[in-house]
N, C-alpha and C. Protein backbone atom coordinates (compact mmCIF):
# COMPACT_ATOMS: atom_id res chain seq x y z
N MET A 1 0.84 -1.17 0.00
CA MET A 1 0.00 0.00 0.00
C MET A 1 0.89 1.24 0.00
N SER A 2 0.46 2.21 -0.76
CA SER A 2 1.12 3.51 -0.78
C SER A 2 0.09 4.55 -0.35
N ALA A 3 0.46 5.43 0.54
CA ALA A 3 -0.48 6.45 1.03
C ALA A 3 0.23 7.78 1.16
N SER A 4 -0.50 8.85 0.90
CA SER A 4 0.04 10.19 1.12
C SER A 4 -1.01 11.00 1.88
N PHE A 5 -0.54 11.97 2.65
CA PHE A 5 -1.42 12.75 3.51
C PHE A 5 -1.05 14.22 3.40
N LYS A 6 -1.99 15.10 3.72
CA LYS A 6 -1.72 16.53 3.73
C LYS A 6 -2.66 17.21 4.71
N LEU A 7 -2.27 18.40 5.12
CA LEU A 7 -3.11 19.20 6.01
C LEU A 7 -4.19 19.90 5.19
N PRO A 8 -5.38 20.12 5.77
CA PRO A 8 -6.45 20.81 5.04
C PRO A 8 -6.05 22.25 4.71
N GLU A 9 -6.56 22.75 3.59
CA GLU A 9 -6.33 24.12 3.17
C GLU A 9 -7.66 24.75 2.80
N VAL A 10 -7.75 26.08 2.90
CA VAL A 10 -8.93 26.81 2.44
C VAL A 10 -8.71 27.14 0.97
N THR A 11 -9.52 26.54 0.10
CA THR A 11 -9.41 26.74 -1.35
C THR A 11 -10.82 26.74 -1.94
N PRO A 12 -10.94 27.16 -3.22
CA PRO A 12 -12.25 27.05 -3.87
C PRO A 12 -12.70 25.58 -3.91
N ASP A 13 -14.01 25.37 -3.89
CA ASP A 13 -14.59 24.03 -3.86
C ASP A 13 -15.42 23.82 -5.13
N ARG A 14 -15.07 22.80 -5.91
CA ARG A 14 -15.78 22.51 -7.16
C ARG A 14 -15.98 21.01 -7.26
N GLN A 15 -17.13 20.61 -7.80
CA GLN A 15 -17.41 19.19 -8.04
C GLN A 15 -18.57 19.09 -9.02
N PRO A 16 -18.73 17.94 -9.69
CA PRO A 16 -19.90 17.76 -10.55
C PRO A 16 -21.16 17.53 -9.71
N VAL A 17 -22.29 17.50 -10.37
CA VAL A 17 -23.56 17.25 -9.70
C VAL A 17 -23.73 15.74 -9.53
N MET A 18 -24.24 15.33 -8.38
CA MET A 18 -24.49 13.92 -8.10
C MET A 18 -25.52 13.36 -9.09
N PRO A 19 -25.32 12.14 -9.58
CA PRO A 19 -26.32 11.54 -10.47
C PRO A 19 -27.69 11.46 -9.80
N ALA A 20 -28.73 11.64 -10.59
CA ALA A 20 -30.11 11.57 -10.08
C ALA A 20 -30.57 10.12 -10.13
N VAL A 21 -30.67 9.49 -8.98
CA VAL A 21 -31.10 8.09 -8.87
C VAL A 21 -32.10 7.97 -7.71
N PRO A 22 -32.90 6.91 -7.69
CA PRO A 22 -33.81 6.72 -6.56
C PRO A 22 -33.04 6.51 -5.26
N PRO A 23 -33.63 6.91 -4.13
CA PRO A 23 -32.96 6.69 -2.84
C PRO A 23 -32.94 5.21 -2.48
N PRO A 24 -32.03 4.81 -1.60
CA PRO A 24 -31.89 3.38 -1.27
C PRO A 24 -33.14 2.76 -0.67
N GLU A 25 -33.94 3.56 0.02
CA GLU A 25 -35.16 3.03 0.65
C GLU A 25 -36.18 2.54 -0.37
N GLU A 26 -36.07 3.00 -1.62
CA GLU A 26 -37.01 2.60 -2.67
C GLU A 26 -36.51 1.40 -3.47
N LEU A 27 -35.35 0.85 -3.12
CA LEU A 27 -34.75 -0.22 -3.91
C LEU A 27 -34.73 -1.53 -3.13
N PRO A 28 -34.83 -2.67 -3.84
CA PRO A 28 -34.85 -3.95 -3.14
C PRO A 28 -33.49 -4.34 -2.58
N ASP A 29 -33.53 -5.16 -1.54
CA ASP A 29 -32.32 -5.70 -0.92
C ASP A 29 -31.89 -6.93 -1.72
N PRO A 30 -30.74 -6.89 -2.42
CA PRO A 30 -30.34 -8.05 -3.22
C PRO A 30 -30.02 -9.28 -2.38
N TYR A 31 -29.70 -9.08 -1.11
CA TYR A 31 -29.34 -10.21 -0.26
C TYR A 31 -30.53 -11.13 0.01
N GLU A 32 -31.74 -10.57 0.03
CA GLU A 32 -32.92 -11.41 0.28
C GLU A 32 -33.08 -12.45 -0.83
N ALA A 33 -33.00 -12.02 -2.09
CA ALA A 33 -33.11 -12.97 -3.21
C ALA A 33 -31.92 -13.91 -3.24
N TRP A 34 -30.73 -13.38 -2.99
CA TRP A 34 -29.52 -14.21 -3.00
C TRP A 34 -29.63 -15.33 -1.97
N SER A 35 -30.13 -15.03 -0.79
CA SER A 35 -30.25 -16.05 0.26
C SER A 35 -31.28 -17.12 -0.11
N ARG A 36 -32.29 -16.76 -0.92
CA ARG A 36 -33.29 -17.75 -1.35
C ARG A 36 -32.81 -18.57 -2.54
N VAL A 37 -32.22 -17.90 -3.54
CA VAL A 37 -31.86 -18.56 -4.80
C VAL A 37 -30.60 -19.40 -4.67
N ARG A 38 -29.60 -18.89 -3.95
CA ARG A 38 -28.32 -19.61 -3.81
C ARG A 38 -27.90 -19.58 -2.34
N PRO A 39 -28.63 -20.29 -1.46
CA PRO A 39 -28.39 -20.19 -0.02
C PRO A 39 -27.00 -20.62 0.43
N ASP A 40 -26.41 -21.63 -0.20
CA ASP A 40 -25.07 -22.08 0.21
C ASP A 40 -24.03 -21.00 -0.06
N GLU A 41 -24.09 -20.40 -1.24
CA GLU A 41 -23.13 -19.34 -1.58
C GLU A 41 -23.36 -18.12 -0.68
N TYR A 42 -24.62 -17.78 -0.44
CA TYR A 42 -24.94 -16.64 0.41
C TYR A 42 -24.41 -16.85 1.82
N ARG A 43 -24.60 -18.04 2.36
CA ARG A 43 -24.17 -18.35 3.72
C ARG A 43 -22.65 -18.20 3.86
N ASP A 44 -21.91 -18.55 2.82
CA ASP A 44 -20.45 -18.47 2.87
C ASP A 44 -19.90 -17.08 2.57
N ALA A 45 -20.73 -16.19 2.07
CA ALA A 45 -20.28 -14.84 1.70
C ALA A 45 -20.21 -13.94 2.93
N VAL A 46 -19.19 -13.13 2.97
CA VAL A 46 -19.00 -12.18 4.07
C VAL A 46 -19.76 -10.88 3.80
N THR A 47 -19.99 -10.60 2.53
CA THR A 47 -20.52 -9.31 2.10
C THR A 47 -21.72 -8.82 2.89
N ALA A 48 -22.73 -9.64 3.05
CA ALA A 48 -23.98 -9.20 3.69
C ALA A 48 -23.78 -8.86 5.16
N ARG A 49 -22.81 -9.46 5.79
CA ARG A 49 -22.58 -9.18 7.20
C ARG A 49 -21.77 -7.90 7.41
N VAL A 50 -21.20 -7.37 6.34
CA VAL A 50 -20.32 -6.21 6.45
C VAL A 50 -20.95 -4.95 5.85
N MET A 51 -21.57 -5.07 4.68
CA MET A 51 -22.04 -3.89 3.96
C MET A 51 -23.41 -4.16 3.35
N SER A 52 -24.34 -3.24 3.53
CA SER A 52 -25.64 -3.31 2.87
C SER A 52 -25.52 -2.66 1.50
N MET A 53 -26.23 -3.22 0.51
CA MET A 53 -26.17 -2.70 -0.86
C MET A 53 -27.57 -2.57 -1.43
N ARG A 54 -27.74 -1.59 -2.32
CA ARG A 54 -28.95 -1.45 -3.11
C ARG A 54 -28.52 -1.06 -4.52
N PHE A 55 -28.82 -1.91 -5.49
CA PHE A 55 -28.47 -1.63 -6.88
C PHE A 55 -29.58 -0.82 -7.53
N VAL A 56 -29.19 0.22 -8.27
CA VAL A 56 -30.15 1.05 -8.99
C VAL A 56 -30.36 0.43 -10.36
N PRO A 57 -31.60 0.01 -10.70
CA PRO A 57 -31.84 -0.52 -12.05
C PRO A 57 -31.49 0.52 -13.10
N SER A 58 -30.90 0.09 -14.21
CA SER A 58 -30.42 1.03 -15.22
C SER A 58 -31.53 1.93 -15.76
N GLU A 59 -32.76 1.43 -15.80
CA GLU A 59 -33.85 2.26 -16.31
C GLU A 59 -34.24 3.38 -15.34
N ASP A 60 -33.75 3.33 -14.10
CA ASP A 60 -34.06 4.37 -13.11
C ASP A 60 -33.00 5.47 -13.05
N VAL A 61 -32.01 5.43 -13.93
CA VAL A 61 -30.94 6.44 -13.94
C VAL A 61 -31.30 7.51 -14.96
N ASP A 62 -31.34 8.76 -14.52
CA ASP A 62 -31.64 9.87 -15.43
C ASP A 62 -30.45 10.14 -16.34
N GLY A 63 -30.73 10.61 -17.55
CA GLY A 63 -29.67 11.01 -18.47
C GLY A 63 -29.38 9.95 -19.51
N ASP A 64 -28.61 10.35 -20.53
CA ASP A 64 -28.24 9.45 -21.61
C ASP A 64 -27.19 8.47 -21.14
N ARG A 65 -27.27 7.25 -21.64
CA ARG A 65 -26.28 6.22 -21.33
C ARG A 65 -25.17 6.30 -22.39
N PRO A 66 -23.91 6.48 -21.97
CA PRO A 66 -22.83 6.56 -22.96
C PRO A 66 -22.61 5.22 -23.65
N LEU A 67 -22.43 5.24 -24.97
CA LEU A 67 -22.19 4.02 -25.73
C LEU A 67 -20.82 3.45 -25.41
N GLY A 68 -20.73 2.14 -25.27
CA GLY A 68 -19.46 1.47 -25.04
C GLY A 68 -18.96 1.54 -23.61
N ILE A 69 -19.72 2.14 -22.73
CA ILE A 69 -19.30 2.25 -21.33
C ILE A 69 -20.29 1.49 -20.46
N ALA A 70 -19.78 0.56 -19.67
CA ALA A 70 -20.63 -0.15 -18.71
C ALA A 70 -20.78 0.73 -17.48
N GLU A 71 -22.00 0.80 -16.96
CA GLU A 71 -22.28 1.65 -15.80
C GLU A 71 -23.11 0.89 -14.78
N GLN A 72 -22.86 1.16 -13.50
CA GLN A 72 -23.80 0.73 -12.48
C GLN A 72 -23.73 1.71 -11.31
N PHE A 73 -24.86 1.82 -10.64
CA PHE A 73 -25.00 2.72 -9.50
C PHE A 73 -25.46 1.89 -8.32
N VAL A 74 -24.70 1.97 -7.23
CA VAL A 74 -24.97 1.13 -6.06
C VAL A 74 -24.92 2.00 -4.81
N TRP A 75 -25.96 1.91 -3.99
CA TRP A 75 -25.93 2.53 -2.67
C TRP A 75 -25.27 1.55 -1.71
N LEU A 76 -24.32 2.03 -0.91
CA LEU A 76 -23.63 1.20 0.08
C LEU A 76 -23.75 1.84 1.46
N GLU A 77 -23.87 0.98 2.47
CA GLU A 77 -23.93 1.43 3.86
C GLU A 77 -23.37 0.32 4.74
N PRO A 78 -22.49 0.63 5.68
CA PRO A 78 -22.01 -0.41 6.59
C PRO A 78 -23.17 -1.08 7.31
N ALA A 79 -23.07 -2.39 7.49
CA ALA A 79 -24.14 -3.16 8.14
C ALA A 79 -24.21 -2.88 9.64
N HIS A 80 -23.15 -2.29 10.19
CA HIS A 80 -23.11 -2.00 11.63
C HIS A 80 -22.69 -0.54 11.83
N SER A 81 -23.03 0.02 12.98
CA SER A 81 -22.66 1.41 13.26
C SER A 81 -21.14 1.53 13.39
N LEU A 82 -20.65 2.72 13.07
CA LEU A 82 -19.21 2.99 13.13
C LEU A 82 -18.92 3.97 14.26
N PRO A 83 -17.73 3.88 14.87
CA PRO A 83 -17.35 4.87 15.89
C PRO A 83 -17.09 6.22 15.22
N ASP A 84 -16.84 7.24 16.02
CA ASP A 84 -16.61 8.59 15.49
C ASP A 84 -15.24 8.77 14.85
N ASP A 85 -14.34 7.84 15.00
CA ASP A 85 -12.99 7.94 14.45
C ASP A 85 -13.04 8.08 12.92
N PRO A 86 -12.59 9.21 12.35
CA PRO A 86 -12.64 9.40 10.89
C PRO A 86 -11.92 8.30 10.12
N LEU A 87 -10.87 7.73 10.68
CA LEU A 87 -10.15 6.67 9.99
C LEU A 87 -11.04 5.44 9.77
N MET A 88 -11.93 5.14 10.69
CA MET A 88 -12.85 4.02 10.51
C MET A 88 -13.80 4.25 9.34
N HIS A 89 -14.18 5.50 9.11
CA HIS A 89 -15.07 5.83 8.00
C HIS A 89 -14.31 5.72 6.67
N VAL A 90 -13.05 6.14 6.66
CA VAL A 90 -12.20 5.97 5.48
C VAL A 90 -12.03 4.48 5.18
N CYS A 91 -11.79 3.68 6.21
CA CYS A 91 -11.63 2.23 6.02
C CYS A 91 -12.91 1.59 5.49
N ALA A 92 -14.06 2.01 6.00
CA ALA A 92 -15.33 1.44 5.54
C ALA A 92 -15.57 1.76 4.07
N LEU A 93 -15.31 3.01 3.67
CA LEU A 93 -15.48 3.37 2.26
C LEU A 93 -14.49 2.59 1.40
N THR A 94 -13.26 2.47 1.84
CA THR A 94 -12.25 1.74 1.07
C THR A 94 -12.67 0.29 0.88
N TYR A 95 -13.15 -0.34 1.94
CA TYR A 95 -13.63 -1.72 1.83
C TYR A 95 -14.79 -1.80 0.82
N GLY A 96 -15.76 -0.91 0.97
CA GLY A 96 -16.90 -0.91 0.07
C GLY A 96 -16.53 -0.63 -1.38
N SER A 97 -15.46 0.11 -1.59
CA SER A 97 -15.05 0.47 -2.96
C SER A 97 -14.59 -0.74 -3.76
N ASP A 98 -14.26 -1.84 -3.10
CA ASP A 98 -13.78 -3.04 -3.80
C ASP A 98 -14.88 -4.10 -3.93
N MET A 99 -16.09 -3.81 -3.48
CA MET A 99 -17.14 -4.82 -3.50
C MET A 99 -17.83 -4.97 -4.85
N THR A 100 -17.94 -3.90 -5.61
CA THR A 100 -18.71 -3.97 -6.86
C THR A 100 -17.97 -3.42 -8.07
N LEU A 101 -16.80 -2.85 -7.88
CA LEU A 101 -16.13 -2.16 -8.99
C LEU A 101 -15.68 -3.11 -10.10
N ALA A 102 -15.11 -4.26 -9.75
CA ALA A 102 -14.70 -5.23 -10.78
C ALA A 102 -15.91 -5.73 -11.56
N SER A 103 -17.04 -5.91 -10.87
CA SER A 103 -18.24 -6.40 -11.57
C SER A 103 -18.75 -5.40 -12.59
N THR A 104 -18.42 -4.12 -12.43
CA THR A 104 -18.81 -3.12 -13.42
C THR A 104 -18.14 -3.41 -14.75
N ALA A 105 -16.87 -3.81 -14.72
CA ALA A 105 -16.15 -4.14 -15.95
C ALA A 105 -16.70 -5.39 -16.62
N ALA A 106 -17.38 -6.26 -15.87
CA ALA A 106 -17.91 -7.52 -16.40
C ALA A 106 -19.41 -7.48 -16.65
N LEU A 107 -20.03 -6.30 -16.59
CA LEU A 107 -21.49 -6.22 -16.72
C LEU A 107 -22.01 -6.77 -18.04
N ASP A 108 -21.22 -6.72 -19.11
CA ASP A 108 -21.69 -7.27 -20.38
C ASP A 108 -21.70 -8.80 -20.35
N ARG A 109 -21.13 -9.41 -19.32
CA ARG A 109 -21.09 -10.88 -19.19
C ARG A 109 -21.99 -11.40 -18.09
N GLN A 110 -22.11 -10.64 -17.00
CA GLN A 110 -22.93 -11.08 -15.87
C GLN A 110 -23.14 -9.91 -14.90
N PRO A 111 -24.22 -9.95 -14.11
CA PRO A 111 -24.42 -8.94 -13.08
C PRO A 111 -23.55 -9.23 -11.85
N HIS A 112 -23.58 -8.34 -10.88
CA HIS A 112 -22.89 -8.58 -9.62
C HIS A 112 -23.39 -9.89 -9.03
N ARG A 113 -22.54 -10.60 -8.29
CA ARG A 113 -22.90 -11.95 -7.83
C ARG A 113 -24.12 -11.98 -6.93
N SER A 114 -24.42 -10.90 -6.22
CA SER A 114 -25.62 -10.90 -5.39
C SER A 114 -26.90 -10.84 -6.22
N LEU A 115 -26.79 -10.51 -7.51
CA LEU A 115 -27.96 -10.43 -8.40
C LEU A 115 -28.06 -11.61 -9.35
N GLN A 116 -27.09 -12.50 -9.35
CA GLN A 116 -27.08 -13.63 -10.27
C GLN A 116 -28.07 -14.70 -9.84
N ARG A 117 -28.60 -15.41 -10.82
CA ARG A 117 -29.53 -16.52 -10.55
C ARG A 117 -28.82 -17.87 -10.55
N GLY A 118 -27.61 -17.91 -11.02
CA GLY A 118 -26.84 -19.15 -11.06
C GLY A 118 -25.40 -18.87 -10.69
N PRO A 119 -24.53 -19.85 -10.91
CA PRO A 119 -23.11 -19.65 -10.57
C PRO A 119 -22.45 -18.60 -11.46
N SER A 120 -21.38 -18.03 -10.97
CA SER A 120 -20.63 -17.02 -11.73
C SER A 120 -20.06 -17.62 -13.00
N ARG A 121 -20.10 -16.83 -14.06
CA ARG A 121 -19.49 -17.23 -15.33
C ARG A 121 -18.12 -16.61 -15.52
N VAL A 122 -17.80 -15.61 -14.68
CA VAL A 122 -16.53 -14.89 -14.81
C VAL A 122 -15.84 -14.86 -13.45
N PHE A 123 -14.56 -15.24 -13.43
CA PHE A 123 -13.72 -15.07 -12.24
C PHE A 123 -13.13 -13.67 -12.32
N MET A 124 -13.20 -12.92 -11.23
CA MET A 124 -12.66 -11.56 -11.20
C MET A 124 -11.83 -11.36 -9.95
N THR A 125 -10.75 -10.61 -10.10
CA THR A 125 -9.98 -10.20 -8.94
C THR A 125 -9.32 -8.86 -9.24
N SER A 126 -9.10 -8.09 -8.22
CA SER A 126 -8.51 -6.77 -8.35
C SER A 126 -7.01 -6.88 -8.60
N LEU A 127 -6.50 -6.15 -9.58
CA LEU A 127 -5.05 -6.08 -9.84
C LEU A 127 -4.46 -4.81 -9.22
N ASP A 128 -5.08 -3.69 -9.50
CA ASP A 128 -4.67 -2.39 -8.95
C ASP A 128 -5.91 -1.68 -8.45
N HIS A 129 -5.78 -0.99 -7.34
CA HIS A 129 -6.94 -0.32 -6.75
C HIS A 129 -6.43 0.96 -6.07
N ALA A 130 -6.95 2.09 -6.48
CA ALA A 130 -6.52 3.37 -5.89
C ALA A 130 -7.75 4.17 -5.47
N VAL A 131 -7.63 4.86 -4.34
CA VAL A 131 -8.72 5.69 -3.82
C VAL A 131 -8.17 7.08 -3.51
N TRP A 132 -8.89 8.10 -3.95
CA TRP A 132 -8.56 9.48 -3.62
C TRP A 132 -9.72 10.04 -2.79
N PHE A 133 -9.41 10.57 -1.62
CA PHE A 133 -10.42 11.16 -0.75
C PHE A 133 -10.42 12.67 -0.95
N HIS A 134 -11.60 13.23 -1.23
CA HIS A 134 -11.71 14.65 -1.56
C HIS A 134 -12.15 15.52 -0.40
N ARG A 135 -13.05 15.01 0.42
CA ARG A 135 -13.65 15.81 1.50
C ARG A 135 -13.86 14.92 2.71
N PRO A 136 -13.90 15.51 3.90
CA PRO A 136 -14.26 14.71 5.08
C PRO A 136 -15.70 14.18 4.93
N PHE A 137 -15.97 13.02 5.50
CA PHE A 137 -17.29 12.40 5.39
C PHE A 137 -17.48 11.39 6.51
N ARG A 138 -18.71 10.98 6.65
CA ARG A 138 -19.06 9.85 7.53
C ARG A 138 -19.60 8.76 6.62
N ALA A 139 -19.16 7.54 6.84
CA ALA A 139 -19.59 6.42 6.01
C ALA A 139 -20.72 5.62 6.64
N ASP A 140 -21.29 6.10 7.74
CA ASP A 140 -22.31 5.29 8.41
C ASP A 140 -23.73 5.64 7.97
N ASP A 141 -23.86 6.28 6.82
CA ASP A 141 -25.14 6.47 6.16
C ASP A 141 -24.96 6.00 4.73
N TRP A 142 -26.06 5.81 4.01
CA TRP A 142 -25.96 5.36 2.62
C TRP A 142 -25.11 6.34 1.80
N MET A 143 -24.23 5.78 0.97
CA MET A 143 -23.45 6.57 0.01
C MET A 143 -23.66 5.96 -1.37
N LEU A 144 -23.78 6.81 -2.37
CA LEU A 144 -23.95 6.34 -3.74
C LEU A 144 -22.58 6.12 -4.36
N PHE A 145 -22.37 4.93 -4.92
CA PHE A 145 -21.14 4.60 -5.63
C PHE A 145 -21.50 4.53 -7.11
N ALA A 146 -21.22 5.61 -7.86
CA ALA A 146 -21.51 5.71 -9.29
C ALA A 146 -20.29 5.19 -10.04
N GLN A 147 -20.46 4.09 -10.80
CA GLN A 147 -19.33 3.38 -11.39
C GLN A 147 -19.45 3.31 -12.91
N GLN A 148 -18.30 3.39 -13.58
CA GLN A 148 -18.22 3.23 -15.03
C GLN A 148 -17.02 2.37 -15.38
N SER A 149 -17.14 1.64 -16.47
CA SER A 149 -16.01 0.90 -17.00
C SER A 149 -15.87 1.24 -18.48
N PRO A 150 -14.82 2.01 -18.85
CA PRO A 150 -14.65 2.38 -20.25
C PRO A 150 -14.00 1.30 -21.10
N SER A 151 -13.40 0.27 -20.46
CA SER A 151 -12.68 -0.73 -21.25
C SER A 151 -12.66 -2.08 -20.54
N ALA A 152 -12.91 -3.14 -21.33
CA ALA A 152 -12.72 -4.52 -20.88
C ALA A 152 -12.20 -5.28 -22.09
N VAL A 153 -10.94 -5.71 -22.03
CA VAL A 153 -10.31 -6.37 -23.17
C VAL A 153 -9.12 -7.18 -22.68
N ASP A 154 -8.80 -8.26 -23.37
CA ASP A 154 -7.59 -9.03 -23.09
C ASP A 154 -7.55 -9.55 -21.64
N GLY A 155 -8.72 -9.92 -21.12
CA GLY A 155 -8.78 -10.49 -19.77
C GLY A 155 -8.66 -9.47 -18.65
N ARG A 156 -8.71 -8.19 -18.99
CA ARG A 156 -8.62 -7.15 -17.96
C ARG A 156 -9.74 -6.13 -18.15
N GLY A 157 -10.15 -5.54 -17.04
CA GLY A 157 -11.16 -4.50 -17.09
C GLY A 157 -10.71 -3.29 -16.30
N LEU A 158 -11.04 -2.11 -16.78
CA LEU A 158 -10.75 -0.87 -16.07
C LEU A 158 -12.07 -0.27 -15.62
N SER A 159 -12.16 0.05 -14.34
CA SER A 159 -13.37 0.65 -13.79
C SER A 159 -12.99 1.84 -12.93
N MET A 160 -13.91 2.78 -12.85
CA MET A 160 -13.72 3.94 -11.99
C MET A 160 -15.05 4.30 -11.37
N GLY A 161 -14.99 4.96 -10.24
CA GLY A 161 -16.24 5.32 -9.59
C GLY A 161 -16.09 6.50 -8.67
N ASN A 162 -17.21 7.14 -8.39
CA ASN A 162 -17.27 8.25 -7.45
C ASN A 162 -18.21 7.90 -6.31
N PHE A 163 -17.81 8.25 -5.10
CA PHE A 163 -18.65 8.09 -3.92
C PHE A 163 -19.28 9.43 -3.57
N TRP A 164 -20.60 9.40 -3.39
CA TRP A 164 -21.38 10.59 -3.07
C TRP A 164 -22.10 10.38 -1.75
N THR A 165 -22.10 11.41 -0.90
CA THR A 165 -22.93 11.35 0.29
C THR A 165 -24.38 11.56 -0.15
N ARG A 166 -25.27 11.22 0.72
CA ARG A 166 -26.70 11.35 0.42
C ARG A 166 -27.08 12.78 0.06
N ASP A 167 -26.38 13.76 0.65
CA ASP A 167 -26.71 15.16 0.37
C ASP A 167 -25.92 15.74 -0.81
N GLY A 168 -25.26 14.87 -1.61
CA GLY A 168 -24.68 15.31 -2.87
C GLY A 168 -23.23 15.74 -2.85
N HIS A 169 -22.48 15.44 -1.80
CA HIS A 169 -21.06 15.79 -1.77
C HIS A 169 -20.22 14.64 -2.34
N LEU A 170 -19.35 14.98 -3.29
CA LEU A 170 -18.41 14.01 -3.84
C LEU A 170 -17.28 13.85 -2.84
N VAL A 171 -17.14 12.66 -2.25
CA VAL A 171 -16.15 12.48 -1.18
C VAL A 171 -14.96 11.62 -1.57
N ALA A 172 -15.08 10.79 -2.61
CA ALA A 172 -13.95 9.94 -3.00
C ALA A 172 -14.11 9.50 -4.45
N THR A 173 -12.97 9.25 -5.08
CA THR A 173 -12.91 8.70 -6.43
C THR A 173 -12.03 7.46 -6.38
N VAL A 174 -12.45 6.42 -7.11
CA VAL A 174 -11.77 5.13 -7.09
C VAL A 174 -11.48 4.71 -8.53
N VAL A 175 -10.31 4.11 -8.76
CA VAL A 175 -9.97 3.52 -10.05
C VAL A 175 -9.41 2.13 -9.78
N GLN A 176 -9.83 1.17 -10.61
CA GLN A 176 -9.39 -0.21 -10.40
C GLN A 176 -9.18 -0.90 -11.75
N GLU A 177 -8.09 -1.66 -11.83
CA GLU A 177 -7.91 -2.59 -12.93
C GLU A 177 -8.16 -3.98 -12.37
N SER A 178 -8.94 -4.77 -13.09
CA SER A 178 -9.26 -6.12 -12.60
C SER A 178 -8.93 -7.16 -13.65
N LEU A 179 -8.64 -8.35 -13.17
CA LEU A 179 -8.42 -9.52 -14.01
C LEU A 179 -9.76 -10.21 -14.17
N MET A 180 -10.12 -10.60 -15.39
CA MET A 180 -11.39 -11.29 -15.65
C MET A 180 -11.12 -12.50 -16.52
N ARG A 181 -11.57 -13.66 -16.05
CA ARG A 181 -11.40 -14.90 -16.79
C ARG A 181 -12.71 -15.68 -16.78
N PRO A 182 -13.03 -16.38 -17.89
CA PRO A 182 -14.21 -17.24 -17.85
C PRO A 182 -14.01 -18.35 -16.82
N VAL A 183 -15.06 -18.67 -16.09
CA VAL A 183 -15.00 -19.77 -15.13
C VAL A 183 -15.13 -21.07 -15.91
N ARG A 184 -14.21 -21.98 -15.67
CA ARG A 184 -14.26 -23.29 -16.32
C ARG A 184 -14.84 -24.29 -15.34
N ARG A 185 -15.93 -24.90 -15.72
CA ARG A 185 -16.58 -25.90 -14.87
C ARG A 185 -15.91 -27.25 -15.09
N ILE A 186 -15.71 -27.98 -14.01
CA ILE A 186 -15.11 -29.31 -14.08
C ILE A 186 -16.23 -30.34 -14.05
N ASP A 187 -16.22 -31.23 -15.02
CA ASP A 187 -17.21 -32.30 -15.08
C ASP A 187 -16.65 -33.49 -14.31
N HIS A 188 -17.13 -33.69 -13.08
CA HIS A 188 -16.60 -34.76 -12.22
C HIS A 188 -17.03 -36.15 -12.67
N GLU A 189 -18.10 -36.25 -13.47
CA GLU A 189 -18.55 -37.56 -13.93
C GLU A 189 -17.58 -38.16 -14.93
N ASN A 190 -16.86 -37.33 -15.67
CA ASN A 190 -15.95 -37.84 -16.70
C ASN A 190 -14.50 -37.86 -16.24
N ASP A 191 -14.25 -37.66 -14.95
CA ASP A 191 -12.87 -37.70 -14.43
C ASP A 191 -12.37 -39.12 -14.32
């Protein structure tokens, strides 16, 4: 890990407008379906015990969809309350930033694993992951993770995303390169 730090300064403040999406309270919990459809995989997953998620259906996103770019919008919130220590909030956002970003690069092949109806068709793992923090924030409320992937080729995907507080402040930007490989199923009957 490489990290750099600096003291706060008084400077002009500029950021884009937060994407217009439905609030998390209006979206279904993907873990409920995951626990019914694939209970063994759900039981073994750590995700639901750590972070709550709500995926925004693509038809609920305002604005034009850019051609050739995979996009997904996910609300994330820690499953448990966090202490007041700002470092814990940075850690929670950093953990959450790696939960769905690689799946954005693979959206043309499969949805995030919590939304799948069967086994994964693509193996994914993070190769490089960088986070830039822009403003102080608390991670113990829902944050919107707006993600895009401009390229997926040669077994690798590039994804980037912005974290927004509920009140529209851009607090972090994330970039990730991921490895993506088709999952090969082993036929045990013919071994």
